[in-house]
PDB file of N, CA and C in Angstrom:
ATOM      1  N   MET A   1     102.788  -4.461 -28.687  1.00  0.00           N
ATOM      2  CA  MET A   1     103.675  -5.037 -27.696  1.00  0.00           C
ATOM      3  C   MET A   1     103.000  -6.170 -26.933  1.00  0.00           C
ATOM      4  N   LYS A   2     101.692  -6.037 -26.691  1.00  0.00           N
ATOM      5  CA  LYS A   2     100.975  -7.083 -25.967  1.00  0.00           C
ATOM      6  C   LYS A   2     101.048  -8.403 -26.722  1.00  0.00           C
ATOM      7  N   GLN A   3     100.950  -8.347 -28.047  1.00  0.00           N
ATOM      8  CA  GLN A   3     101.005  -9.565 -28.845  1.00  0.00           C
ATOM      9  C   GLN A   3     102.397 -10.194 -28.768  1.00  0.00           C
ATOM     10  N   ARG A   4     103.434  -9.371 -28.781  1.00  0.00           N
ATOM     11  CA  ARG A   4     104.805  -9.890 -28.670  1.00  0.00           C
ATOM     12  C   ARG A   4     105.021 -10.569 -27.314  1.00  0.00           C
ATOM     13  N   VAL A   5     104.525  -9.936 -26.266  1.00  0.00           N
ATOM     14  CA  VAL A   5     104.653 -10.513 -24.920  1.00  0.00           C
ATOM     15  C   VAL A   5     103.890 -11.831 -24.838  1.00  0.00           C
ATOM     16  N   ALA A   6     102.681 -11.856 -25.384  1.00  0.00           N
ATOM     17  CA  ALA A   6     101.887 -13.091 -25.368  1.00  0.00           C
ATOM     18  C   ALA A   6     102.589 -14.200 -26.134  1.00  0.00           C
ATOM     19  N   LEU A   7     103.199 -13.858 -27.265  1.00  0.00           N
ATOM     20  CA  LEU A   7     103.922 -14.845 -28.058  1.00  0.00           C
ATOM     21  C   LEU A   7     105.135 -15.371 -27.283  1.00  0.00           C
ATOM     22  N   ALA A   8     105.888 -14.465 -26.670  1.00  0.00           N
ATOM     23  CA  ALA A   8     107.050 -14.871 -25.869  1.00  0.00           C
ATOM     24  C   ALA A   8     106.623 -15.750 -24.695  1.00  0.00           C
ATOM     25  N   ARG A   9     105.533 -15.380 -24.042  1.00  0.00           N
ATOM     26  CA  ARG A   9     105.025 -16.153 -22.907  1.00  0.00           C
ATOM     27  C   ARG A   9     104.653 -17.572 -23.344  1.00  0.00           C
ATOM     28  N   ALA A  10     104.098 -17.699 -24.532  1.00  0.00           N
ATOM     29  CA  ALA A  10     103.700 -19.013 -25.032  1.00  0.00           C
ATOM     30  C   ALA A  10     104.906 -19.921 -25.251  1.00  0.00           C
ATOM     31  N   PHE A  11     106.017 -19.344 -25.661  1.00  0.00           N
ATOM     32  CA  PHE A  11     107.199 -20.155 -25.965  1.00  0.00           C
ATOM     33  C   PHE A  11     108.096 -20.418 -24.758  1.00  0.00           C
ATOM     34  N   VAL A  12     108.025 -19.577 -23.727  1.00  0.00           N
ATOM     35  CA  VAL A  12     108.961 -19.677 -22.619  1.00  0.00           C
ATOM     36  C   VAL A  12     108.848 -20.987 -21.851  1.00  0.00           C
ATOM     37  N   SER A  13     107.665 -21.576 -21.813  1.00  0.00           N
ATOM     38  CA  SER A  13     107.499 -22.825 -21.064  1.00  0.00           C
ATOM     39  C   SER A  13     107.851 -24.069 -21.885  1.00  0.00           C
ATOM     40  N   ARG A  14     108.321 -23.860 -23.108  1.00  0.00           N
ATOM     41  CA  ARG A  14     108.723 -24.978 -23.989  1.00  0.00           C
ATOM     42  C   ARG A  14     107.617 -26.022 -24.140  1.00  0.00           C
ATOM     43  N   PRO A  15     106.443 -25.617 -24.614  1.00  0.00           N
ATOM     44  CA  PRO A  15     105.344 -26.577 -24.760  1.00  0.00           C
ATOM     45  C   PRO A  15     105.613 -27.564 -25.900  1.00  0.00           C
ATOM     46  N   ALA A  16     104.949 -28.704 -25.857  1.00  0.00           N
ATOM     47  CA  ALA A  16     105.043 -29.685 -26.950  1.00  0.00           C
ATOM     48  C   ALA A  16     104.149 -29.272 -28.113  1.00  0.00           C
ATOM     49  N   ALA A  17     103.075 -28.533 -27.793  1.00  0.00           N
ATOM     50  CA  ALA A  17     102.141 -28.066 -28.827  1.00  0.00           C
ATOM     51  C   ALA A  17     101.642 -26.685 -28.432  1.00  0.00           C
ATOM     52  N   LEU A  18     101.315 -25.918 -29.448  1.00  0.00           N
ATOM     53  CA  LEU A  18     100.855 -24.558 -29.241  1.00  0.00           C
ATOM     54  C   LEU A  18      99.675 -24.308 -30.170  1.00  0.00           C
ATOM     55  N   LEU A  19      98.565 -23.830 -29.618  1.00  0.00           N
ATOM     56  CA  LEU A  19      97.384 -23.498 -30.412  1.00  0.00           C
ATOM     57  C   LEU A  19      97.247 -21.993 -30.455  1.00  0.00           C
ATOM     58  N   LEU A  20      97.306 -21.439 -31.662  1.00  0.00           N
ATOM     59  CA  LEU A  20      97.186 -19.999 -31.850  1.00  0.00           C
ATOM     60  C   LEU A  20      95.958 -19.737 -32.716  1.00  0.00           C
ATOM     61  N   ASP A  21      94.970 -19.075 -32.146  1.00  0.00           N
ATOM     62  CA  ASP A  21      93.715 -18.797 -32.846  1.00  0.00           C
ATOM     63  C   ASP A  21      93.682 -17.330 -33.262  1.00  0.00           C
ATOM     64  N   GLU A  22      93.999 -17.079 -34.518  1.00  0.00           N
ATOM     65  CA  GLU A  22      94.033 -15.734 -35.096  1.00  0.00           C
ATOM     66  C   GLU A  22      94.787 -14.745 -34.206  1.00  0.00           C
ATOM     67  N   PRO A  23      96.036 -15.060 -33.841  1.00  0.00           N
ATOM     68  CA  PRO A  23      96.751 -14.209 -32.890  1.00  0.00           C
ATOM     69  C   PRO A  23      97.128 -12.829 -33.435  1.00  0.00           C
ATOM     70  N   PHE A  24      97.139 -12.654 -34.744  1.00  0.00           N
ATOM     71  CA  PHE A  24      97.584 -11.385 -35.318  1.00  0.00           C
ATOM     72  C   PHE A  24      96.444 -10.610 -35.969  1.00  0.00           C
ATOM     73  N   ALA A  25      95.218 -10.996 -35.707  1.00  0.00           N
ATOM     74  CA  ALA A  25      94.066 -10.386 -36.374  1.00  0.00           C
ATOM     75  C   ALA A  25      93.848  -8.927 -35.976  1.00  0.00           C
ATOM     76  N   ALA A  26      94.230  -8.541 -34.782  1.00  0.00           N
ATOM     77  CA  ALA A  26      93.908  -7.203 -34.283  1.00  0.00           C
ATOM     78  C   ALA A  26      95.084  -6.225 -34.353  1.00  0.00           C
ATOM     79  N   VAL A  27      96.057  -6.506 -35.221  1.00  0.00           N
ATOM     80  CA  VAL A  27      97.205  -5.604 -35.334  1.00  0.00           C
ATOM     81  C   VAL A  27      97.299  -5.054 -36.750  1.00  0.00           C
ATOM     82  N   ASP A  28      98.040  -3.949 -36.890  1.00  0.00           N
ATOM     83  CA  ASP A  28      98.208  -3.352 -38.216  1.00  0.00           C
ATOM     84  C   ASP A  28      99.108  -4.235 -39.083  1.00  0.00           C
ATOM     85  N   ALA A  29      99.110  -3.967 -40.385  1.00  0.00           N
ATOM     86  CA  ALA A  29      99.814  -4.825 -41.351  1.00  0.00           C
ATOM     87  C   ALA A  29     101.308  -4.922 -41.067  1.00  0.00           C
ATOM     88  N   GLN A  30     101.952  -3.814 -40.745  1.00  0.00           N
ATOM     89  CA  GLN A  30     103.388  -3.825 -40.488  1.00  0.00           C
ATOM     90  C   GLN A  30     103.719  -4.655 -39.248  1.00  0.00           C
ATOM     91  N   THR A  31     102.954  -4.476 -38.193  1.00  0.00           N
ATOM     92  CA  THR A  31     103.169  -5.257 -36.963  1.00  0.00           C
ATOM     93  C   THR A  31     102.897  -6.733 -37.220  1.00  0.00           C
ATOM     94  N   ARG A  32     101.876  -7.006 -38.022  1.00  0.00           N
ATOM     95  CA  ARG A  32     101.543  -8.394 -38.351  1.00  0.00           C
ATOM     96  C   ARG A  32     102.720  -9.096 -39.028  1.00  0.00           C
ATOM     97  N   LEU A  33     103.342  -8.424 -39.996  1.00  0.00           N
ATOM     98  CA  LEU A  33     104.502  -9.013 -40.681  1.00  0.00           C
ATOM     99  C   LEU A  33     105.636  -9.285 -39.694  1.00  0.00           C
ATOM    100  N   GLN A  34     105.871  -8.349 -38.781  1.00  0.00           N
ATOM    101  CA  GLN A  34     106.933  -8.532 -37.791  1.00  0.00           C
ATOM    102  C   GLN A  34     106.607  -9.676 -36.838  1.00  0.00           C
ATOM    103  N   LEU A  35     105.357  -9.756 -36.392  1.00  0.00           N
ATOM    104  CA  LEU A  35     104.957 -10.840 -35.495  1.00  0.00           C
ATOM    105  C   LEU A  35     105.055 -12.202 -36.190  1.00  0.00           C
ATOM    106  N   GLN A  36     104.732 -12.249 -37.465  1.00  0.00           N
ATOM    107  CA  GLN A  36     104.865 -13.502 -38.214  1.00  0.00           C
ATOM    108  C   GLN A  36     106.327 -13.946 -38.230  1.00  0.00           C
ATOM    109  N   GLN A  37     107.237 -13.007 -38.469  1.00  0.00           N
ATOM    110  CA  GLN A  37     108.659 -13.341 -38.477  1.00  0.00           C
ATOM    111  C   GLN A  37     109.142 -13.723 -37.080  1.00  0.00           C
ATOM    112  N   ASP A  38     108.628 -13.046 -36.054  1.00  0.00           N
ATOM    113  CA  ASP A  38     108.966 -13.408 -34.671  1.00  0.00           C
ATOM    114  C   ASP A  38     108.517 -14.837 -34.373  1.00  0.00           C
ATOM    115  N   LEU A  39     107.298 -15.173 -34.800  1.00  0.00           N
ATOM    116  CA  LEU A  39     106.777 -16.522 -34.591  1.00  0.00           C
ATOM    117  C   LEU A  39     107.647 -17.551 -35.298  1.00  0.00           C
ATOM    118  N   LEU A  40     107.988 -17.293 -36.554  1.00  0.00           N
ATOM    119  CA  LEU A  40     108.813 -18.240 -37.302  1.00  0.00           C
ATOM    120  C   LEU A  40     110.177 -18.424 -36.646  1.00  0.00           C
ATOM    121  N   GLY A  41     110.762 -17.334 -36.143  1.00  0.00           N
ATOM    122  CA  GLY A  41     112.058 -17.426 -35.473  1.00  0.00           C
ATOM    123  C   GLY A  41     111.979 -18.230 -34.192  1.00  0.00           C
ATOM    124  N   ALA A  42     110.986 -17.950 -33.370  1.00  0.00           N
ATOM    125  CA  ALA A  42     110.828 -18.682 -32.105  1.00  0.00           C
ATOM    126  C   ALA A  42     110.520 -20.149 -32.366  1.00  0.00           C
ATOM    127  N   TRP A  43     109.715 -20.406 -33.383  1.00  0.00           N
ATOM    128  CA  TRP A  43     109.346 -21.779 -33.721  1.00  0.00           C
ATOM    129  C   TRP A  43     110.577 -22.559 -34.180  1.00  0.00           C
ATOM    130  N   SER A  44     111.407 -21.937 -35.001  1.00  0.00           N
ATOM    131  CA  SER A  44     112.597 -22.650 -35.497  1.00  0.00           C
ATOM    132  C   SER A  44     113.594 -22.915 -34.366  1.00  0.00           C
ATOM    133  N   ASP A  45     113.529 -22.104 -33.307  1.00  0.00           N
ATOM    134  CA  ASP A  45     114.405 -22.315 -32.151  1.00  0.00           C
ATOM    135  C   ASP A  45     113.835 -23.323 -31.156  1.00  0.00           C
ATOM    136  N   THR A  46     112.669 -23.910 -31.460  1.00  0.00           N
ATOM    137  CA  THR A  46     112.009 -24.846 -30.558  1.00  0.00           C
ATOM    138  C   THR A  46     111.759 -26.157 -31.296  1.00  0.00           C
ATOM    139  N   PRO A  47     112.792 -27.006 -31.415  1.00  0.00           N
ATOM    140  CA  PRO A  47     112.642 -28.252 -32.158  1.00  0.00           C
ATOM    141  C   PRO A  47     111.538 -29.142 -31.595  1.00  0.00           C
ATOM    142  N   GLY A  48     110.800 -29.769 -32.494  1.00  0.00           N
ATOM    143  CA  GLY A  48     109.761 -30.709 -32.104  1.00  0.00           C
ATOM    144  C   GLY A  48     108.438 -30.066 -31.736  1.00  0.00           C
ATOM    145  N   LEU A  49     108.366 -28.752 -31.754  1.00  0.00           N
ATOM    146  CA  LEU A  49     107.133 -28.068 -31.387  1.00  0.00           C
ATOM    147  C   LEU A  49     106.109 -28.174 -32.515  1.00  0.00           C
ATOM    148  N   THR A  50     104.895 -28.558 -32.156  1.00  0.00           N
ATOM    149  CA  THR A  50     103.775 -28.560 -33.087  1.00  0.00           C
ATOM    150  C   THR A  50     102.969 -27.295 -32.843  1.00  0.00           C
ATOM    151  N   VAL A  51     102.728 -26.535 -33.918  1.00  0.00           N
ATOM    152  CA  VAL A  51     101.928 -25.319 -33.809  1.00  0.00           C
ATOM    153  C   VAL A  51     100.692 -25.490 -34.677  1.00  0.00           C
ATOM    154  N   ILE A  52      99.534 -25.305 -34.062  1.00  0.00           N
ATOM    155  CA  ILE A  52      98.272 -25.287 -34.800  1.00  0.00           C
ATOM    156  C   ILE A  52      97.849 -23.835 -34.837  1.00  0.00           C
ATOM    157  N   PHE A  53      97.794 -23.309 -36.047  1.00  0.00           N
ATOM    158  CA  PHE A  53      97.577 -21.876 -36.247  1.00  0.00           C
ATOM    159  C   PHE A  53      96.284 -21.685 -37.023  1.00  0.00           C
ATOM    160  N   VAL A  54      95.312 -21.045 -36.413  1.00  0.00           N
ATOM    161  CA  VAL A  54      94.038 -20.784 -37.071  1.00  0.00           C
ATOM    162  C   VAL A  54      94.088 -19.391 -37.678  1.00  0.00           C
ATOM    163  N   THR A  55      93.775 -19.297 -38.970  1.00  0.00           N
ATOM    164  CA  THR A  55      93.747 -18.001 -39.639  1.00  0.00           C
ATOM    165  C   THR A  55      92.768 -18.047 -40.804  1.00  0.00           C
ATOM    166  N   HIS A  56      92.234 -16.882 -41.136  1.00  0.00           N
ATOM    167  CA  HIS A  56      91.410 -16.747 -42.330  1.00  0.00           C
ATOM    168  C   HIS A  56      92.207 -16.098 -43.456  1.00  0.00           C
ATOM    169  N   ASP A  57      93.473 -15.805 -43.202  1.00  0.00           N
ATOM    170  CA  ASP A  57      94.346 -15.137 -44.159  1.00  0.00           C
ATOM    171  C   ASP A  57      95.149 -16.196 -44.924  1.00  0.00           C
ATOM    172  N   VAL A  58      94.834 -16.370 -46.197  1.00  0.00           N
ATOM    173  CA  VAL A  58      95.474 -17.417 -46.997  1.00  0.00           C
ATOM    174  C   VAL A  58      96.973 -17.182 -47.106  1.00  0.00           C
ATOM    175  N   ASP A  59      97.398 -15.944 -47.335  1.00  0.00           N
ATOM    176  CA  ASP A  59      98.828 -15.653 -47.427  1.00  0.00           C
ATOM    177  C   ASP A  59      99.556 -16.017 -46.131  1.00  0.00           C
ATOM    178  N   GLU A  60      98.946 -15.665 -45.006  1.00  0.00           N
ATOM    179  CA  GLU A  60      99.534 -15.976 -43.706  1.00  0.00           C
ATOM    180  C   GLU A  60      99.634 -17.498 -43.513  1.00  0.00           C
ATOM    181  N   ALA A  61      98.617 -18.211 -43.903  1.00  0.00           N
ATOM    182  CA  ALA A  61      98.621 -19.674 -43.777  1.00  0.00           C
ATOM    183  C   ALA A  61      99.775 -20.282 -44.563  1.00  0.00           C
ATOM    184  N   ILE A  62      99.982 -19.800 -45.768  1.00  0.00           N
ATOM    185  CA  ILE A  62     101.065 -20.339 -46.604  1.00  0.00           C
ATOM    186  C   ILE A  62     102.425 -19.962 -46.036  1.00  0.00           C
ATOM    187  N   LEU A  63     102.575 -18.712 -45.623  1.00  0.00           N
ATOM    188  CA  LEU A  63     103.856 -18.235 -45.117  1.00  0.00           C
ATOM    189  C   LEU A  63     104.292 -18.980 -43.859  1.00  0.00           C
ATOM    190  N   LEU A  64     103.350 -19.281 -42.974  1.00  0.00           N
ATOM    191  CA  LEU A  64     103.698 -19.834 -41.670  1.00  0.00           C
ATOM    192  C   LEU A  64     103.647 -21.353 -41.588  1.00  0.00           C
ATOM    193  N   SER A  65     102.983 -22.010 -42.521  1.00  0.00           N
ATOM    194  CA  SER A  65     102.643 -23.426 -42.343  1.00  0.00           C
ATOM    195  C   SER A  65     103.485 -24.393 -43.150  1.00  0.00           C
ATOM    196  N   ASP A  66     103.530 -25.614 -42.649  1.00  0.00           N
ATOM    197  CA  ASP A  66     104.060 -26.743 -43.412  1.00  0.00           C
ATOM    198  C   ASP A  66     102.912 -27.509 -44.059  1.00  0.00           C
ATOM    199  N   ARG A  67     101.709 -27.321 -43.494  1.00  0.00           N
ATOM    200  CA  ARG A  67     100.514 -27.952 -44.039  1.00  0.00           C
ATOM    201  C   ARG A  67      99.325 -27.062 -43.711  1.00  0.00           C
ATOM    202  N   VAL A  68      98.423 -26.911 -44.678  1.00  0.00           N
ATOM    203  CA  VAL A  68      97.209 -26.135 -44.473  1.00  0.00           C
ATOM    204  C   VAL A  68      96.027 -27.082 -44.571  1.00  0.00           C
ATOM    205  N   VAL A  69      95.198 -27.072 -43.554  1.00  0.00           N
ATOM    206  CA  VAL A  69      93.971 -27.858 -43.551  1.00  0.00           C
ATOM    207  C   VAL A  69      92.835 -26.888 -43.867  1.00  0.00           C
ATOM    208  N   VAL A  70      92.166 -27.123 -44.986  1.00  0.00           N
ATOM    209  CA  VAL A  70      91.074 -26.256 -45.421  1.00  0.00           C
ATOM    210  C   VAL A  70      89.767 -26.858 -44.930  1.00  0.00           C
ATOM    211  N   LEU A  71      89.002 -26.046 -44.202  1.00  0.00           N
ATOM    212  CA  LEU A  71      87.718 -26.490 -43.669  1.00  0.00           C
ATOM    213  C   LEU A  71      86.566 -25.881 -44.455  1.00  0.00           C
ATOM    214  N   SER A  72      85.461 -26.617 -44.495  1.00  0.00           N
ATOM    215  CA  SER A  72      84.244 -26.124 -45.136  1.00  0.00           C
ATOM    216  C   SER A  72      83.495 -25.226 -44.165  1.00  0.00           C
ATOM    217  N   THR A  73      82.389 -24.675 -44.643  1.00  0.00           N
ATOM    218  CA  THR A  73      81.519 -23.917 -43.747  1.00  0.00           C
ATOM    219  C   THR A  73      80.757 -24.900 -42.865  1.00  0.00           C
ATOM    220  N   LYS A  74      79.926 -24.370 -42.000  1.00  0.00           N
ATOM    221  CA  LYS A  74      79.183 -25.196 -41.039  1.00  0.00           C
ATOM    222  C   LYS A  74      78.322 -26.244 -41.729  1.00  0.00           C
ATOM    223  N   PRO A  75      78.289 -27.450 -41.222  1.00  0.00           N
ATOM    224  CA  PRO A  75      79.197 -27.973 -40.204  1.00  0.00           C
ATOM    225  C   PRO A  75      80.576 -28.190 -40.832  1.00  0.00           C
ATOM    226  N   ALA A  76      81.598 -27.796 -40.134  1.00  0.00           N
ATOM    227  CA  ALA A  76      82.955 -27.849 -40.675  1.00  0.00           C
ATOM    228  C   ALA A  76      83.396 -29.282 -40.934  1.00  0.00           C
ATOM    229  N   THR A  77      83.859 -29.496 -42.150  1.00  0.00           N
ATOM    230  CA  THR A  77      84.489 -30.754 -42.529  1.00  0.00           C
ATOM    231  C   THR A  77      85.799 -30.411 -43.227  1.00  0.00           C
ATOM    232  N   VAL A  78      86.707 -31.346 -43.265  1.00  0.00           N
ATOM    233  CA  VAL A  78      87.988 -31.118 -43.920  1.00  0.00           C
ATOM    234  C   VAL A  78      87.792 -31.251 -45.429  1.00  0.00           C
ATOM    235  N   LEU A  79      88.060 -30.155 -46.134  1.00  0.00           N
ATOM    236  CA  LEU A  79      87.991 -30.173 -47.600  1.00  0.00           C
ATOM    237  C   LEU A  79      89.281 -30.691 -48.206  1.00  0.00           C
ATOM    238  N   ALA A  80      90.410 -30.309 -47.586  1.00  0.00           N
ATOM    239  CA  ALA A  80      91.707 -30.710 -48.149  1.00  0.00           C
ATOM    240  C   ALA A  80      92.815 -30.493 -47.128  1.00  0.00           C
ATOM    241  N   ASN A  81      93.867 -31.289 -47.286  1.00  0.00           N
ATOM    242  CA  ASN A  81      95.144 -31.095 -46.598  1.00  0.00           C
ATOM    243  C   ASN A  81      96.144 -30.727 -47.686  1.00  0.00           C
ATOM    244  N   VAL A  82      96.715 -29.544 -47.606  1.00  0.00           N
ATOM    245  CA  VAL A  82      97.635 -29.078 -48.640  1.00  0.00           C
ATOM    246  C   VAL A  82      99.019 -28.923 -48.019  1.00  0.00           C
ATOM    247  N   ASP A  83      99.987 -29.702 -48.527  1.00  0.00           N
ATOM    248  CA  ASP A  83     101.364 -29.581 -48.050  1.00  0.00           C
ATOM    249  C   ASP A  83     101.984 -28.314 -48.610  1.00  0.00           C
ATOM    250  N   ILE A  84     102.698 -27.592 -47.748  1.00  0.00           N
ATOM    251  CA  ILE A  84     103.406 -26.380 -48.150  1.00  0.00           C
ATOM    252  C   ILE A  84     104.885 -26.735 -48.169  1.00  0.00           C
ATOM    253  N   SER A  85     105.412 -26.946 -49.350  1.00  0.00           N
ATOM    254  CA  SER A  85     106.776 -27.441 -49.477  1.00  0.00           C
ATOM    255  C   SER A  85     107.773 -26.327 -49.809  1.00  0.00           C
ATOM    256  N   LEU A  86     107.437 -25.101 -49.458  1.00  0.00           N
ATOM    257  CA  LEU A  86     108.363 -23.997 -49.688  1.00  0.00           C
ATOM    258  C   LEU A  86     109.514 -24.088 -48.696  1.00  0.00           C
ATOM    259  N   PRO A  87     110.724 -23.773 -49.149  1.00  0.00           N
ATOM    260  CA  PRO A  87     111.869 -23.859 -48.232  1.00  0.00           C
ATOM    261  C   PRO A  87     111.793 -22.822 -47.115  1.00  0.00           C
ATOM    262  N   ARG A  88     112.392 -23.161 -45.990  1.00  0.00           N
ATOM    263  CA  ARG A  88     112.506 -22.235 -44.866  1.00  0.00           C
ATOM    264  C   ARG A  88     113.945 -21.746 -44.810  1.00  0.00           C
ATOM    265  N   PRO A  89     114.191 -20.551 -44.304  1.00  0.00           N
ATOM    266  CA  PRO A  89     113.250 -19.590 -43.754  1.00  0.00           C
ATOM    267  C   PRO A  89     112.402 -18.948 -44.845  1.00  0.00           C
ATOM    268  N   ARG A  90     111.248 -18.423 -44.432  1.00  0.00           N
ATOM    269  CA  ARG A  90     110.313 -17.802 -45.366  1.00  0.00           C
ATOM    270  C   ARG A  90     110.117 -16.335 -45.009  1.00  0.00           C
ATOM    271  N   PRO A  91     110.916 -15.473 -45.618  1.00  0.00           N
ATOM    272  CA  PRO A  91     110.716 -14.037 -45.377  1.00  0.00           C
ATOM    273  C   PRO A  91     109.437 -13.563 -46.073  1.00  0.00           C
ATOM    274  N   PRO A  92     108.947 -12.376 -45.753  1.00  0.00           N
ATOM    275  CA  PRO A  92     107.729 -11.872 -46.399  1.00  0.00           C
ATOM    276  C   PRO A  92     107.778 -11.892 -47.929  1.00  0.00           C
ATOM    277  N   ALA A  93     108.957 -11.721 -48.510  1.00  0.00           N
ATOM    278  CA  ALA A  93     109.086 -11.730 -49.972  1.00  0.00           C
ATOM    279  C   ALA A  93     108.739 -13.083 -50.580  1.00  0.00           C
ATOM    280  N   THR A  94     108.609 -14.122 -49.752  1.00  0.00           N
ATOM    281  CA  THR A  94     108.207 -15.442 -50.237  1.00  0.00           C
ATOM    282  C   THR A  94     106.877 -15.360 -50.982  1.00  0.00           C
ATOM    283  N   SER A  95     106.045 -14.393 -50.610  1.00  0.00           N
ATOM    284  CA  SER A  95     104.728 -14.267 -51.252  1.00  0.00           C
ATOM    285  C   SER A  95     104.817 -13.893 -52.720  1.00  0.00           C
ATOM    286  N   LEU A  96     106.005 -13.542 -53.199  1.00  0.00           N
ATOM    287  CA  LEU A  96     106.209 -13.226 -54.614  1.00  0.00           C
ATOM    288  C   LEU A  96     106.700 -14.434 -55.405  1.00  0.00           C
ATOM    289  N   ASP A  97     107.033 -15.505 -54.719  1.00  0.00           N
ATOM    290  CA  ASP A  97     107.548 -16.725 -55.348  1.00  0.00           C
ATOM    291  C   ASP A  97     106.438 -17.392 -56.157  1.00  0.00           C
ATOM    292  N   PRO A  98     106.714 -17.810 -57.386  1.00  0.00           N
ATOM    293  CA  PRO A  98     105.694 -18.470 -58.209  1.00  0.00           C
ATOM    294  C   PRO A  98     105.091 -19.708 -57.544  1.00  0.00           C
ATOM    295  N   ARG A  99     105.872 -20.420 -56.737  1.00  0.00           N
ATOM    296  CA  ARG A  99     105.341 -21.594 -56.029  1.00  0.00           C
ATOM    297  C   ARG A  99     104.320 -21.161 -54.978  1.00  0.00           C
ATOM    298  N   PHE A 100     104.595 -20.049 -54.307  1.00  0.00           N
ATOM    299  CA  PHE A 100     103.654 -19.487 -53.336  1.00  0.00           C
ATOM    300  C   PHE A 100     102.340 -19.152 -54.040  1.00  0.00           C
ATOM    301  N   LEU A 101     102.441 -18.492 -55.181  1.00  0.00           N
ATOM    302  CA  LEU A 101     101.241 -18.097 -55.925  1.00  0.00           C
ATOM    303  C   LEU A 101     100.445 -19.311 -56.395  1.00  0.00           C
ATOM    304  N   ALA A 102     101.129 -20.375 -56.772  1.00  0.00           N
ATOM    305  CA  ALA A 102     100.427 -21.595 -57.192  1.00  0.00           C
ATOM    306  C   ALA A 102      99.658 -22.212 -56.022  1.00  0.00           C
ATOM    307  N   ILE A 103     100.277 -22.223 -54.843  1.00  0.00           N
ATOM    308  CA  ILE A 103      99.596 -22.743 -53.649  1.00  0.00           C
ATOM    309  C   ILE A 103      98.416 -21.848 -53.292  1.00  0.00           C
ATOM    310  N   LYS A 104      98.624 -20.546 -53.385  1.00  0.00           N
ATOM    311  CA  LYS A 104      97.539 -19.600 -53.089  1.00  0.00           C
ATOM    312  C   LYS A 104      96.367 -19.816 -54.030  1.00  0.00           C
ATOM    313  N   ARG A 105      96.656 -20.001 -55.286  1.00  0.00           N
ATOM    314  CA  ARG A 105      95.605 -20.266 -56.282  1.00  0.00           C
ATOM    315  C   ARG A 105      94.840 -21.539 -55.921  1.00  0.00           C
ATOM    316  N   GLU A 106      95.561 -22.584 -55.512  1.00  0.00           N
ATOM    317  CA  GLU A 106      94.923 -23.849 -55.129  1.00  0.00           C
ATOM    318  C   GLU A 106      94.020 -23.668 -53.908  1.00  0.00           C
ATOM    319  N   LEU A 107      94.524 -22.981 -52.878  1.00  0.00           N
ATOM    320  CA  LEU A 107      93.739 -22.787 -51.664  1.00  0.00           C
ATOM    321  C   LEU A 107      92.496 -21.936 -51.929  1.00  0.00           C
ATOM    322  N   LEU A 108      92.660 -20.876 -52.688  1.00  0.00           N
ATOM    323  CA  LEU A 108      91.513 -20.028 -52.997  1.00  0.00           C
ATOM    324  C   LEU A 108      90.470 -20.793 -53.803  1.00  0.00           C
ATOM    325  N   SER A 109      90.920 -21.649 -54.699  1.00  0.00           N
ATOM    326  CA  SER A 109      89.999 -22.471 -55.483  1.00  0.00           C
ATOM    327  C   SER A 109      89.210 -23.404 -54.565  1.00  0.00           C
ATOM    328  N   LEU A 110      89.889 -24.005 -53.593  1.00  0.00           N
ATOM    329  CA  LEU A 110      89.213 -24.878 -52.636  1.00  0.00           C
ATOM    330  C   LEU A 110      88.160 -24.121 -51.833  1.00  0.00           C
ATOM    331  N   LEU A 111      88.413 -22.835 -51.614  1.00  0.00           N
ATOM    332  CA  LEU A 111      87.482 -21.992 -50.864  1.00  0.00           C
ATOM    333  C   LEU A 111      86.395 -21.397 -51.751  1.00  0.00           C
ATOM    334  N   GLY A 112      86.457 -21.716 -53.041  1.00  0.00           N
ATOM    335  CA  GLY A 112      85.442 -21.223 -53.963  1.00  0.00           C
ATOM    336  C   GLY A 112      85.665 -19.797 -54.423  1.00  0.00           C
ATOM    337  N   VAL A 113      86.905 -19.316 -54.275  1.00  0.00           N
ATOM    338  CA  VAL A 113      87.231 -17.950 -54.681  1.00  0.00           C
ATOM    339  C   VAL A 113      87.952 -17.997 -56.016  1.00  0.00           C
ATOM    340  N   ARG A 114      87.432 -17.247 -56.964  1.00  0.00           N
ATOM    341  CA  ARG A 114      88.094 -17.130 -58.270  1.00  0.00           C
ATOM    342  C   ARG A 114      88.892 -15.843 -58.272  1.00  0.00           C
ATOM    343  N   LEU A 115      90.194 -15.962 -58.376  1.00  0.00           N
ATOM    344  CA  LEU A 115      91.066 -14.794 -58.363  1.00  0.00           C
ATOM    345  C   LEU A 115      92.141 -15.012 -59.403  1.00  0.00           C
ATOM    346  N   GLU A 116      92.278 -14.056 -60.277  1.00  0.00           N
ATOM    347  CA  GLU A 116      93.320 -14.148 -61.285  1.00  0.00           C
ATOM    348  C   GLU A 116      94.640 -13.708 -60.675  1.00  0.00           C
ATOM    349  N   LEU A 117      95.559 -14.629 -60.586  1.00  0.00           N
ATOM    350  CA  LEU A 117      96.885 -14.341 -60.082  1.00  0.00           C
ATOM    351  C   LEU A 117      97.881 -14.567 -61.202  1.00  0.00           C
ATOM    352  N   PRO A 118      99.025 -13.909 -61.160  1.00  0.00           N
ATOM    353  CA  PRO A 118     100.036 -14.160 -62.190  1.00  0.00           C
ATOM    354  C   PRO A 118     100.362 -15.638 -62.248  1.00  0.00           C
ATOM    355  N   ASN A 119     100.471 -16.167 -63.439  1.00  0.00           N
ATOM    356  CA  ASN A 119     100.731 -17.593 -63.614  1.00  0.00           C
ATOM    357  C   ASN A 119     102.183 -17.793 -64.021  1.00  0.00           C
ATOM    358  N   HIS A 120     103.063 -17.826 -63.006  1.00  0.00           N
ATOM    359  CA  HIS A 120     104.489 -18.009 -63.256  1.00  0.00           C
ATOM    360  C   HIS A 120     104.928 -19.432 -62.984  1.00  0.00           C
ATOM    361  N   ALA A 121     104.026 -20.213 -62.417  1.00  0.00           N
ATOM    362  CA  ALA A 121     104.405 -21.587 -62.016  1.00  0.00           C
ATOM    363  C   ALA A 121     104.419 -22.521 -63.184  1.00  0.00           C
TER     364      ALA A 121
END
């Protein structure tokens, strides 16, 4: 509930930009999915809002973002800017979409992670 209140508080003042640094890291998986959907709903109701969302969760980055900026390790440099062109709204089932999996494969490759994912794209 604290995370929901914090999220609501962030949106109530109608900011032009919002910086969220791993806001869902300390919650269970089910709550995390609900908070992600709450964020997407509030964001879509706030035209013109820029949200900078820091996460180490690749799936979360794809689900929530229009663009993912991949950073290197220290000293941090930008490795890539990856456009996320999946249609909105993006329910949790979006993670099963072949386009989602292709983006995930690309991001993991940029991070140096080799993971065999279904190749439906």
